[in-house]
Amino acid sequence: MSFLIKNAKIINRGKITSGDIYIKNGRIEQIGAGIDRPADREINAEGKYAMPGIIDDQVHFRDPGLTHKADLYTEPRAAVAGGTTTYMEMPNTVPNALTQELLEDKYRTAAKKSLANYSFFMGAGNDNLEEVLRTDAEQVCGVKIFMGSSTGNMLVDNRTTLERLFSNVPLLIATHCEDEDTIRKNAAAYRAVYGEEVPVEYHPRIRNEAGCFISSSMAVDLAKKHNTRLHILHLSTREELDLFRNDIPLSEKRITSELCVHHLYFNSLDYLNYGTQIKCNPAIKDETNRAALLPALLDNRLDIIATDHAPHTWEEKQGTYFNAPSGVPLVQHSLNVMLEFYQKGEITLERIIEKMCHAPAECFRIKDRGYLEEGMFADIALLDLEEKWTVAKDNIHYKCNWSPFEKHEFTGKVTHTFVSGHLAYENGKFNEEKQGERATFAAER
């Protein structure tokens, strides 16, 4: 279908302008004032903002092997409902995506049932370098290394193994950075005091600042030594921020960084209210660390806003500290979290779009996505900034059907989401006649 979006406030490249958007054959064919062309469908967007679809560079959609928690049908729908049109999913599924065959299985599954555009990281293990080197840089977003263990069994923290990966892999390497020795020692100390009943509020002391910095600084040292294209995920501490540059454009950076919405929104006092609901790795830390993150985002030491969407069932999350899995479902509500900072005057709409849409496209060199410009794929969200709504069971689209934001009132709501020119979501209803598309990438310089 062709679409004509009329009278929108268009957010793109740091500016907000008024105009129309004409969509045909999956792409933006024209942007301008007073477009008068026949279209299969015309949408009056007066009073609404048109923004590029969000690109989330870190999600866990649990498919295959853990589909009782989430899958490649449910979670992309939730993403689209929140204005996210493209996601990059992690390899710690079951089985782990450690071979090209297993990686392509995930792409085949997504092609059949993902409403959003998709890409999947190739997993790096301790003995699959040859498989990693077969990864097509134009078809796959990057290689993921768990330098600290998390969900799954993909820990790679041996210095020799890491040297081989960092010196040989030509693709972007994305890392989860937490030092496993530090975490084990801290966990043993707290277990000695509390046994299996460690209070969850000690999570940021077990997975502490030192553990993050030891691992992140090692990754940065390796990347500098080998000129590796490194992207460090979910930064959570003040100390780590000085590892990153802000004196050059994002397009020139070899080492980049990501901030997740939950580390920006919550602090360690929130464990008293939310308990294991907000247990995640790296841990949500104290207010001193949380307060340092937004300034680092605004001064461009932190490059991208993402979610690390990681759902578990409600029953699983009710376990004791060591038994409750880490991870929070977030992809449907990431824009709303950032809008709260906008409504408090702490960030502009333009910077939100830069960090959630433009920067992921630049960082990963995604072809033809991330901007509202002629010739680009029509990945577009329409946003009503005035609409108030409350998160509730009947509007949560995650398969796990819970959110830490349940009963919370947000102001601002996505009303329409276009995915590669397909109107996939409109006022609470999904159109699943067309699936999302595989994202493609320009080769690394």
Protein backbone atom coordinates (compact mmCIF):
# COMPACT_ATOMS: atom_id res chain seq x y z
CA MET A 1 0.00 0.00 0.00
CA SER A 2 0.92 3.63 -0.40
CA PHE A 3 0.37 6.03 2.50
CA LEU A 4 0.26 9.77 2.89
CA ILE A 5 0.88 11.04 6.42
CA LYS A 6 -0.38 14.62 6.62
CA ASN A 7 0.42 17.50 8.96
CA ALA A 8 2.97 15.76 11.19
CA LYS A 9 5.68 17.33 13.32
CA ILE A 10 8.68 15.51 11.88
CA ILE A 11 11.65 14.82 14.17
CA ASN A 12 14.86 14.16 12.27
CA ARG A 13 18.57 15.06 12.59
CA GLY A 14 18.11 17.38 15.54
CA LYS A 15 15.22 19.39 14.07
CA ILE A 16 11.44 19.38 14.28
CA THR A 17 9.63 20.52 11.13
CA SER A 18 6.01 20.40 10.00
CA GLY A 19 5.12 18.47 6.88
CA ASP A 20 3.83 15.40 5.11
CA ILE A 21 5.38 12.01 4.39
CA TYR A 22 4.55 9.92 1.32
CA ILE A 23 5.25 6.17 1.54
CA LYS A 24 5.35 3.81 -1.41
CA ASN A 25 6.90 0.37 -1.99
CA GLY A 26 8.11 0.20 1.59
CA ARG A 27 10.13 3.41 1.47
CA ILE A 28 9.76 7.11 2.08
CA GLU A 29 9.29 8.54 -1.39
CA GLN A 30 8.67 12.19 -0.50
CA ILE A 31 8.79 14.50 2.51
CA GLY A 32 7.56 18.08 2.32
CA ALA A 33 4.81 20.59 2.98
CA GLY A 34 1.47 20.23 1.24
CA ILE A 35 2.08 16.96 -0.59
CA ASP A 36 -0.89 16.30 -2.87
CA ARG A 37 -0.60 12.80 -4.28
CA PRO A 38 -3.02 9.90 -4.46
CA ALA A 39 -2.44 7.23 -1.82
CA ASP A 40 -4.20 4.06 -0.78
CA ARG A 41 -4.50 5.47 2.71
CA GLU A 42 -4.20 8.99 4.09
CA ILE A 43 -3.53 9.56 7.80
CA ASN A 44 -4.10 12.93 9.42
CA ALA A 45 -1.26 13.29 11.94
CA GLU A 46 -2.13 16.81 13.05
CA GLY A 47 -0.89 17.36 16.58
CA LYS A 48 1.29 14.25 16.44
CA TYR A 49 5.02 13.74 16.02
CA ALA A 50 6.51 11.52 13.33
CA MET A 51 9.77 9.93 14.37
CA PRO A 52 12.00 7.22 12.89
CA GLY A 53 11.27 3.79 14.25
CA ILE A 54 13.42 2.98 17.28
CA ILE A 55 16.34 0.62 16.72
CA ASP A 56 17.02 -1.48 19.82
CA ASP A 57 20.50 -2.97 19.64
CA GLN A 58 20.10 -5.40 22.55
CA VAL A 59 17.14 -7.68 23.19
CA HIS A 60 16.62 -11.26 24.35
CA PHE A 61 13.56 -12.74 22.66
CA ARG A 62 14.29 -16.32 23.91
CA ASP A 63 13.60 -18.11 20.64
CA PRO A 64 14.52 -20.98 20.30
CA GLY A 65 14.58 -23.05 23.43
CA LEU A 66 13.14 -20.69 26.03
CA THR A 67 9.86 -19.88 24.36
CA HIS A 68 7.81 -20.30 27.53
CA LYS A 69 9.24 -16.85 28.43
CA ALA A 70 9.07 -15.09 25.04
CA ASP A 71 9.41 -15.76 21.33
CA LEU A 72 9.91 -14.16 17.93
CA TYR A 73 6.18 -13.60 17.52
CA THR A 74 5.20 -12.03 20.84
CA GLU A 75 8.16 -9.78 21.57
CA PRO A 76 8.41 -8.09 18.14
CA ARG A 77 4.70 -7.24 18.50
CA ALA A 78 5.42 -5.65 21.87
CA ALA A 79 8.33 -3.76 20.32
CA VAL A 80 6.19 -2.40 17.50
CA ALA A 81 3.49 -1.27 19.96
CA GLY A 82 6.13 0.90 21.62
CA GLY A 83 7.54 2.35 18.40
CA THR A 84 10.52 0.00 17.99
CA THR A 85 10.77 -1.17 14.38
CA THR A 86 14.17 -2.92 14.31
CA TYR A 87 15.87 -5.07 16.93
CA MET A 88 19.15 -6.93 17.34
CA GLU A 89 18.76 -10.13 19.32
CA MET A 90 21.33 -11.94 21.41
CA PRO A 91 22.80 -15.45 20.88
CA ASN A 92 22.26 -16.95 24.36
CA THR A 93 19.18 -18.88 23.29
CA VAL A 94 18.94 -22.69 23.53
CA PRO A 95 20.93 -23.89 21.74
CA ASN A 96 23.36 -20.96 21.78
CA ALA A 97 23.84 -19.41 18.34
CA LEU A 98 27.47 -20.52 18.05
CA THR A 99 27.35 -21.87 14.49
CA GLN A 100 26.30 -20.30 11.23
CA GLU A 101 23.59 -22.93 10.84
CA LEU A 102 22.04 -22.16 14.22
CA LEU A 103 22.29 -18.44 13.53
CA GLU A 104 20.47 -18.81 10.20
CA ASP A 105 17.78 -20.89 11.90
CA LYS A 106 16.91 -17.80 13.94
CA TYR A 107 16.71 -15.66 10.80
CA ARG A 108 14.40 -18.19 9.17
CA THR A 109 12.13 -18.19 12.21
CA ALA A 110 12.00 -14.38 12.32
CA ALA A 111 11.16 -14.21 8.61
CA LYS A 112 8.05 -16.27 9.31
CA LYS A 113 6.70 -14.50 12.38
CA SER A 114 8.51 -11.28 13.40
CA LEU A 115 6.39 -8.17 12.91
CA ALA A 116 9.47 -5.95 13.40
CA ASN A 117 12.68 -5.83 11.36
CA TYR A 118 15.39 -8.03 12.81
CA SER A 119 19.02 -8.94 13.08
CA PHE A 120 20.79 -11.51 15.25
CA PHE A 121 24.23 -11.46 16.81
CA MET A 122 26.60 -14.33 16.15
CA GLY A 123 27.74 -15.85 19.43
CA ALA A 124 31.42 -16.16 20.36
CA GLY A 125 32.42 -19.07 22.57
CA ASN A 126 35.73 -20.43 23.72
CA ASP A 127 36.32 -22.66 20.70
CA ASN A 128 34.27 -21.44 17.70
CA LEU A 129 36.57 -18.82 16.15
CA GLU A 130 36.37 -20.43 12.69
CA GLU A 131 32.57 -20.24 12.79
CA VAL A 132 32.68 -16.63 13.95
CA LEU A 133 35.00 -15.69 11.08
CA ARG A 134 32.47 -17.06 8.58
CA THR A 135 29.93 -14.40 9.63
CA ASP A 136 28.77 -12.13 6.80
CA ALA A 137 29.29 -8.54 7.96
CA GLU A 138 26.65 -7.24 5.56
CA GLN A 139 23.98 -9.66 6.80
CA VAL A 140 24.68 -9.86 10.56
CA CYS A 141 24.82 -6.99 13.06
CA GLY A 142 27.89 -8.22 14.94
CA VAL A 143 29.49 -10.75 17.25
CA LYS A 144 28.52 -10.99 20.92
CA ILE A 145 31.00 -11.90 23.66
CA PHE A 146 29.80 -12.50 27.21
CA MET A 147 32.90 -11.40 29.14
CA GLY A 148 30.78 -11.87 32.25
CA SER A 149 28.34 -14.73 32.53
CA SER A 150 24.66 -13.98 32.28
CA THR A 151 21.70 -16.02 31.06
CA GLY A 152 23.05 -19.02 29.19
CA ASN A 153 26.49 -20.61 29.24
CA MET A 154 28.66 -18.45 26.99
CA LEU A 155 31.27 -17.05 29.39
CA VAL A 156 34.47 -16.03 27.58
CA ASP A 157 36.85 -14.40 30.04
CA ASN A 158 40.14 -16.16 29.29
CA ARG A 159 42.64 -13.51 28.15
CA THR A 160 44.19 -15.74 25.48
CA THR A 161 40.80 -16.56 23.96
CA LEU A 162 39.79 -12.91 24.02
CA GLU A 163 43.06 -11.91 22.31
CA ARG A 164 42.30 -14.35 19.49
CA LEU A 165 38.81 -12.95 19.03
CA PHE A 166 39.74 -9.26 19.25
CA SER A 167 42.71 -9.67 16.90
CA ASN A 168 40.89 -11.70 14.24
CA VAL A 169 37.23 -10.70 14.10
CA PRO A 170 36.62 -7.94 11.51
CA LEU A 171 33.00 -7.31 12.56
CA LEU A 172 31.70 -5.18 15.39
CA ILE A 173 32.17 -7.01 18.70
CA ALA A 174 29.53 -6.29 21.34
CA THR A 175 30.45 -7.19 24.91
CA HIS A 176 28.73 -7.86 28.21
CA CYS A 177 31.41 -6.70 30.66
CA GLU A 178 31.45 -7.98 34.24
CA ASP A 179 34.43 -9.67 35.88
CA GLU A 180 33.40 -13.18 36.88
CA ASP A 181 36.06 -13.62 39.59
CA THR A 182 34.89 -10.47 41.36
CA ILE A 183 31.25 -11.58 41.23
CA ARG A 184 32.03 -15.07 42.54
CA LYS A 185 34.04 -13.74 45.47
CA ASN A 186 31.34 -11.23 46.38
CA ALA A 187 28.59 -13.85 46.08
CA ALA A 188 30.52 -16.22 48.33
CA ALA A 189 30.98 -13.51 50.96
CA TYR A 190 27.26 -12.69 51.09
CA ARG A 191 26.29 -16.36 51.01
CA ALA A 192 28.52 -16.95 54.03
CA VAL A 193 26.44 -14.39 55.95
CA TYR A 194 22.92 -15.01 54.64
CA GLY A 195 23.02 -18.50 53.15
CA GLU A 196 20.55 -18.82 50.29
CA GLU A 197 18.42 -15.93 51.62
CA VAL A 198 20.61 -13.04 50.43
CA PRO A 199 18.38 -9.92 50.22
CA VAL A 200 18.04 -8.75 46.62
CA GLU A 201 19.12 -5.22 47.57
CA TYR A 202 22.69 -6.61 47.82
CA HIS A 203 22.67 -7.43 44.11
CA PRO A 204 24.60 -4.23 43.20
CA ARG A 205 27.19 -5.06 45.84
CA ILE A 206 27.69 -8.55 44.47
CA ARG A 207 27.78 -7.41 40.85
CA ASN A 208 29.54 -4.22 41.82
CA GLU A 209 31.26 -1.26 40.18
CA ALA A 210 34.70 -2.86 40.39
CA GLY A 211 33.51 -5.95 38.56
CA CYS A 212 32.15 -3.82 35.74
CA PHE A 213 35.23 -1.64 35.42
CA ILE A 214 37.75 -4.52 35.46
CA SER A 215 35.98 -6.16 32.52
CA SER A 216 35.13 -2.99 30.55
CA SER A 217 38.65 -1.64 30.83
CA MET A 218 40.04 -4.98 29.63
CA ALA A 219 37.74 -4.88 26.60
CA VAL A 220 38.82 -1.31 25.80
CA ASP A 221 42.50 -2.23 26.17
CA LEU A 222 42.09 -5.19 23.81
CA ALA A 223 40.18 -3.08 21.27
CA LYS A 224 42.84 -0.38 21.30
CA LYS A 225 45.62 -2.95 20.97
CA HIS A 226 44.04 -4.66 17.96
CA ASN A 227 42.02 -1.73 16.51
CA THR A 228 38.88 -3.79 17.02
CA ARG A 229 35.44 -2.32 16.44
CA LEU A 230 34.07 -2.60 20.00
CA HIS A 231 30.63 -1.79 21.37
CA ILE A 232 30.19 -2.17 25.15
CA LEU A 233 26.63 -2.87 26.21
CA HIS A 234 24.58 -1.64 29.19
CA LEU A 235 26.98 0.72 30.99
CA SER A 236 25.90 1.13 34.60
CA THR A 237 28.71 2.83 36.57
CA ARG A 238 30.22 6.28 36.88
CA GLU A 239 33.77 4.92 36.77
CA GLU A 240 33.32 3.27 33.37
CA LEU A 241 32.26 6.50 31.67
CA ASP A 242 35.78 7.84 31.28
CA LEU A 243 36.65 4.87 29.08
CA PHE A 244 34.77 6.53 26.22
CA ARG A 245 35.50 9.50 23.98
CA ASN A 246 33.24 12.42 23.17
CA ASP A 247 35.70 14.54 21.19
CA ILE A 248 35.06 12.88 17.81
CA PRO A 249 31.86 12.12 15.84
CA LEU A 250 30.16 8.77 16.36
CA SER A 251 31.00 7.80 12.76
CA GLU A 252 34.71 7.99 13.62
CA LYS A 253 34.60 6.04 16.87
CA ARG A 254 36.11 2.56 17.07
CA ILE A 255 34.86 2.07 20.64
CA THR A 256 31.22 2.88 21.40
CA SER A 257 28.81 2.41 24.27
CA GLU A 258 25.21 1.74 25.18
CA LEU A 259 22.96 2.90 28.01
CA CYS A 260 19.83 0.93 28.94
CA VAL A 261 16.65 2.60 30.12
CA HIS A 262 16.39 0.69 33.40
CA HIS A 263 19.84 1.80 34.57
CA LEU A 264 18.78 5.38 33.87
CA TYR A 265 15.34 5.10 35.49
CA PHE A 266 15.84 2.99 38.64
CA ASN A 267 18.41 3.10 41.44
CA SER A 268 19.34 0.66 44.21
CA LEU A 269 16.64 1.99 46.59
CA ASP A 270 14.05 0.62 44.16
CA TYR A 271 14.92 -2.98 45.09
CA LEU A 272 12.90 -2.39 48.27
CA ASN A 273 9.74 -1.85 46.18
CA TYR A 274 10.37 -4.03 43.14
CA GLY A 275 12.55 -6.82 44.53
CA THR A 276 13.66 -9.35 41.95
CA GLN A 277 11.49 -7.70 39.28
CA ILE A 278 14.41 -5.34 38.61
CA LYS A 279 17.20 -7.86 39.22
CA CYS A 280 19.32 -7.67 36.06
CA ASN A 281 22.93 -7.98 34.94
CA PRO A 282 24.72 -5.61 35.20
CA ALA A 283 22.91 -4.62 38.37
CA ILE A 284 20.95 -1.41 38.83
CA LYS A 285 23.25 0.55 41.11
CA ASP A 286 23.07 3.44 43.57
CA GLU A 287 21.97 6.99 42.87
CA THR A 288 25.54 8.26 42.46
CA ASN A 289 26.03 5.93 39.52
CA ARG A 290 22.54 6.45 38.08
CA ALA A 291 22.86 10.23 38.20
CA ALA A 292 26.11 10.12 36.23
CA LEU A 293 24.57 8.32 33.26
CA LEU A 294 22.33 10.99 31.71
CA PRO A 295 25.07 13.68 31.61
CA ALA A 296 27.34 11.14 29.90
CA LEU A 297 24.60 10.41 27.37
CA LEU A 298 24.13 14.10 26.68
CA ASP A 299 27.84 14.79 26.26
CA ASN A 300 28.18 11.76 23.93
CA ARG A 301 30.38 9.51 26.03
CA LEU A 302 27.38 7.18 25.91
CA ASP A 303 26.16 6.70 22.35
CA ILE A 304 22.99 4.63 22.26
CA ILE A 305 19.84 4.06 24.34
CA ALA A 306 18.56 0.46 24.35
CA THR A 307 16.69 -1.95 26.62
CA ASP A 308 18.42 -5.31 27.10
CA HIS A 309 14.82 -6.59 27.09
CA ALA A 310 15.08 -9.91 28.94
CA PRO A 311 11.76 -11.49 29.96
CA HIS A 312 11.21 -14.30 32.43
CA THR A 313 7.92 -15.67 33.71
CA TRP A 314 6.44 -14.11 36.82
CA GLU A 315 6.82 -17.42 38.64
CA GLU A 316 10.53 -17.60 37.81
CA LYS A 317 11.10 -14.08 39.10
CA GLN A 318 9.56 -14.95 42.50
CA GLY A 319 12.50 -17.14 43.47
CA THR A 320 15.10 -16.31 46.12
CA TYR A 321 18.04 -14.10 45.20
CA PHE A 322 20.24 -16.84 43.73
CA ASN A 323 17.32 -18.60 42.04
CA ALA A 324 15.43 -15.69 40.49
CA PRO A 325 16.83 -15.13 36.98
CA SER A 326 18.19 -11.74 35.96
CA GLY A 327 16.38 -9.71 33.32
CA VAL A 328 13.56 -7.20 32.87
CA PRO A 329 10.95 -6.93 30.06
CA LEU A 330 11.28 -3.39 28.66
CA VAL A 331 11.07 -3.12 24.87
CA GLN A 332 7.43 -1.97 24.73
CA HIS A 333 7.98 0.89 27.18
CA SER A 334 11.47 2.23 26.39
CA LEU A 335 10.25 5.36 24.62
CA ASN A 336 7.86 6.14 27.47
CA VAL A 337 10.69 5.90 29.98
CA MET A 338 12.70 8.42 27.98
CA LEU A 339 9.67 10.69 27.59
CA GLU A 340 9.53 11.02 31.37
CA PHE A 341 13.01 12.55 31.26
CA TYR A 342 11.82 14.82 28.44
CA GLN A 343 8.79 15.89 30.45
CA LYS A 344 11.08 16.81 33.34
CA GLY A 345 13.14 18.98 30.99
CA GLU A 346 16.23 16.77 31.26
CA ILE A 347 16.50 15.80 27.58
CA THR A 348 14.94 17.04 24.34
CA LEU A 349 12.85 15.03 21.90
CA GLU A 350 15.55 15.58 19.31
CA ARG A 351 18.22 14.00 21.51
CA ILE A 352 15.97 11.05 22.35
CA ILE A 353 15.53 10.37 18.63
CA GLU A 354 19.25 10.80 18.07
CA LYS A 355 20.14 8.22 20.72
CA MET A 356 17.36 5.69 20.01
CA CYS A 357 17.13 5.93 16.21
CA HIS A 358 19.98 7.76 14.48
CA ALA A 359 22.89 6.58 16.64
CA PRO A 360 22.12 2.83 16.42
CA ALA A 361 21.90 3.18 12.63
CA GLU A 362 25.26 4.97 12.55
CA CYS A 363 26.97 2.75 15.10
CA PHE A 364 26.02 -0.49 13.35
CA ARG A 365 26.11 1.02 9.83
CA ILE A 366 22.55 -0.15 9.14
CA LYS A 367 21.54 0.41 5.54
CA ASP A 368 18.68 2.81 4.86
CA ARG A 369 17.14 2.90 8.33
CA GLY A 370 17.15 5.20 11.34
CA TYR A 371 16.17 8.48 9.64
CA LEU A 372 13.07 10.09 8.14
CA GLU A 373 14.49 10.92 4.73
CA GLU A 374 13.56 10.26 1.12
CA GLY A 375 14.81 6.89 -0.07
CA MET A 376 14.97 5.39 3.42
CA PHE A 377 12.80 2.46 4.48
CA ALA A 378 9.55 3.73 5.95
CA ASP A 379 10.16 2.77 9.59
CA ILE A 380 8.03 5.41 11.30
CA ALA A 381 6.24 5.87 14.61
CA LEU A 382 3.53 8.47 15.18
CA LEU A 383 3.53 9.80 18.73
CA ASP A 384 0.78 11.59 20.62
CA LEU A 385 2.68 13.45 23.34
CA GLU A 386 -0.45 14.40 25.27
CA GLU A 387 -2.23 11.06 25.67
CA LYS A 388 -2.12 9.62 29.17
CA TRP A 389 -2.36 5.87 29.70
CA THR A 390 -1.73 3.33 32.42
CA VAL A 391 0.26 0.13 31.95
CA ALA A 392 -2.01 -2.83 32.69
CA LYS A 393 -2.26 -6.54 31.98
CA ASP A 394 -4.58 -5.96 29.04
CA ASN A 395 -2.12 -3.67 27.22
CA ILE A 396 1.16 -5.46 28.01
CA HIS A 397 2.16 -7.43 24.92
CA TYR A 398 5.10 -9.38 26.35
CA LYS A 399 4.52 -13.12 26.51
CA CYS A 400 5.43 -13.05 30.22
CA ASN A 401 2.56 -10.54 30.70
CA TRP A 402 4.18 -8.46 33.42
CA SER A 403 6.15 -5.23 33.60
CA PRO A 404 7.78 -3.28 36.44
CA PHE A 405 5.75 -0.34 35.12
CA GLU A 406 2.39 -2.02 35.71
CA LYS A 407 -0.11 0.48 37.22
CA HIS A 408 2.22 3.36 36.27
CA GLU A 409 0.70 6.21 34.26
CA PHE A 410 2.71 7.42 31.28
CA THR A 411 2.10 10.55 29.25
CA GLY A 412 2.71 10.08 25.54
CA LYS A 413 1.69 7.14 23.41
CA VAL A 414 2.62 5.63 20.04
CA THR A 415 -0.53 5.53 17.94
CA HIS A 416 0.83 4.17 14.62
CA THR A 417 3.94 2.20 13.71
CA PHE A 418 5.11 1.56 10.15
CA VAL A 419 7.62 -1.24 9.60
CA SER A 420 9.30 -1.16 6.20
CA GLY A 421 6.28 0.70 4.83
CA HIS A 422 3.71 -1.65 6.38
CA LEU A 423 1.28 -0.15 8.89
CA ALA A 424 1.89 -2.83 11.51
CA TYR A 425 0.22 -1.13 14.47
CA GLU A 426 -2.61 1.37 14.75
CA ASN A 427 -4.34 2.49 17.93
CA GLY A 428 -3.88 -0.74 19.81
CA LYS A 429 -4.46 -3.10 16.89
CA PHE A 430 -1.87 -5.10 14.95
CA ASN A 431 -1.84 -5.80 11.22
CA GLU A 432 0.16 -8.99 10.67
CA GLU A 433 -0.34 -9.35 6.92
CA LYS A 434 3.35 -8.58 6.36
CA GLN A 435 6.37 -9.46 8.48
CA GLY A 436 9.41 -7.30 9.15
CA GLU A 437 12.56 -7.50 7.07
CA ARG A 438 16.13 -8.55 7.70
CA ALA A 439 18.34 -5.55 8.39
CA THR A 440 21.49 -5.24 6.29
CA PHE A 441 24.72 -3.45 7.02
CA ALA A 442 27.53 -1.58 5.31
CA ALA A 443 30.90 -3.27 5.75
CA GLU A 444 33.10 -1.96 8.53
CA ARG A 445 35.74 0.51 7.50
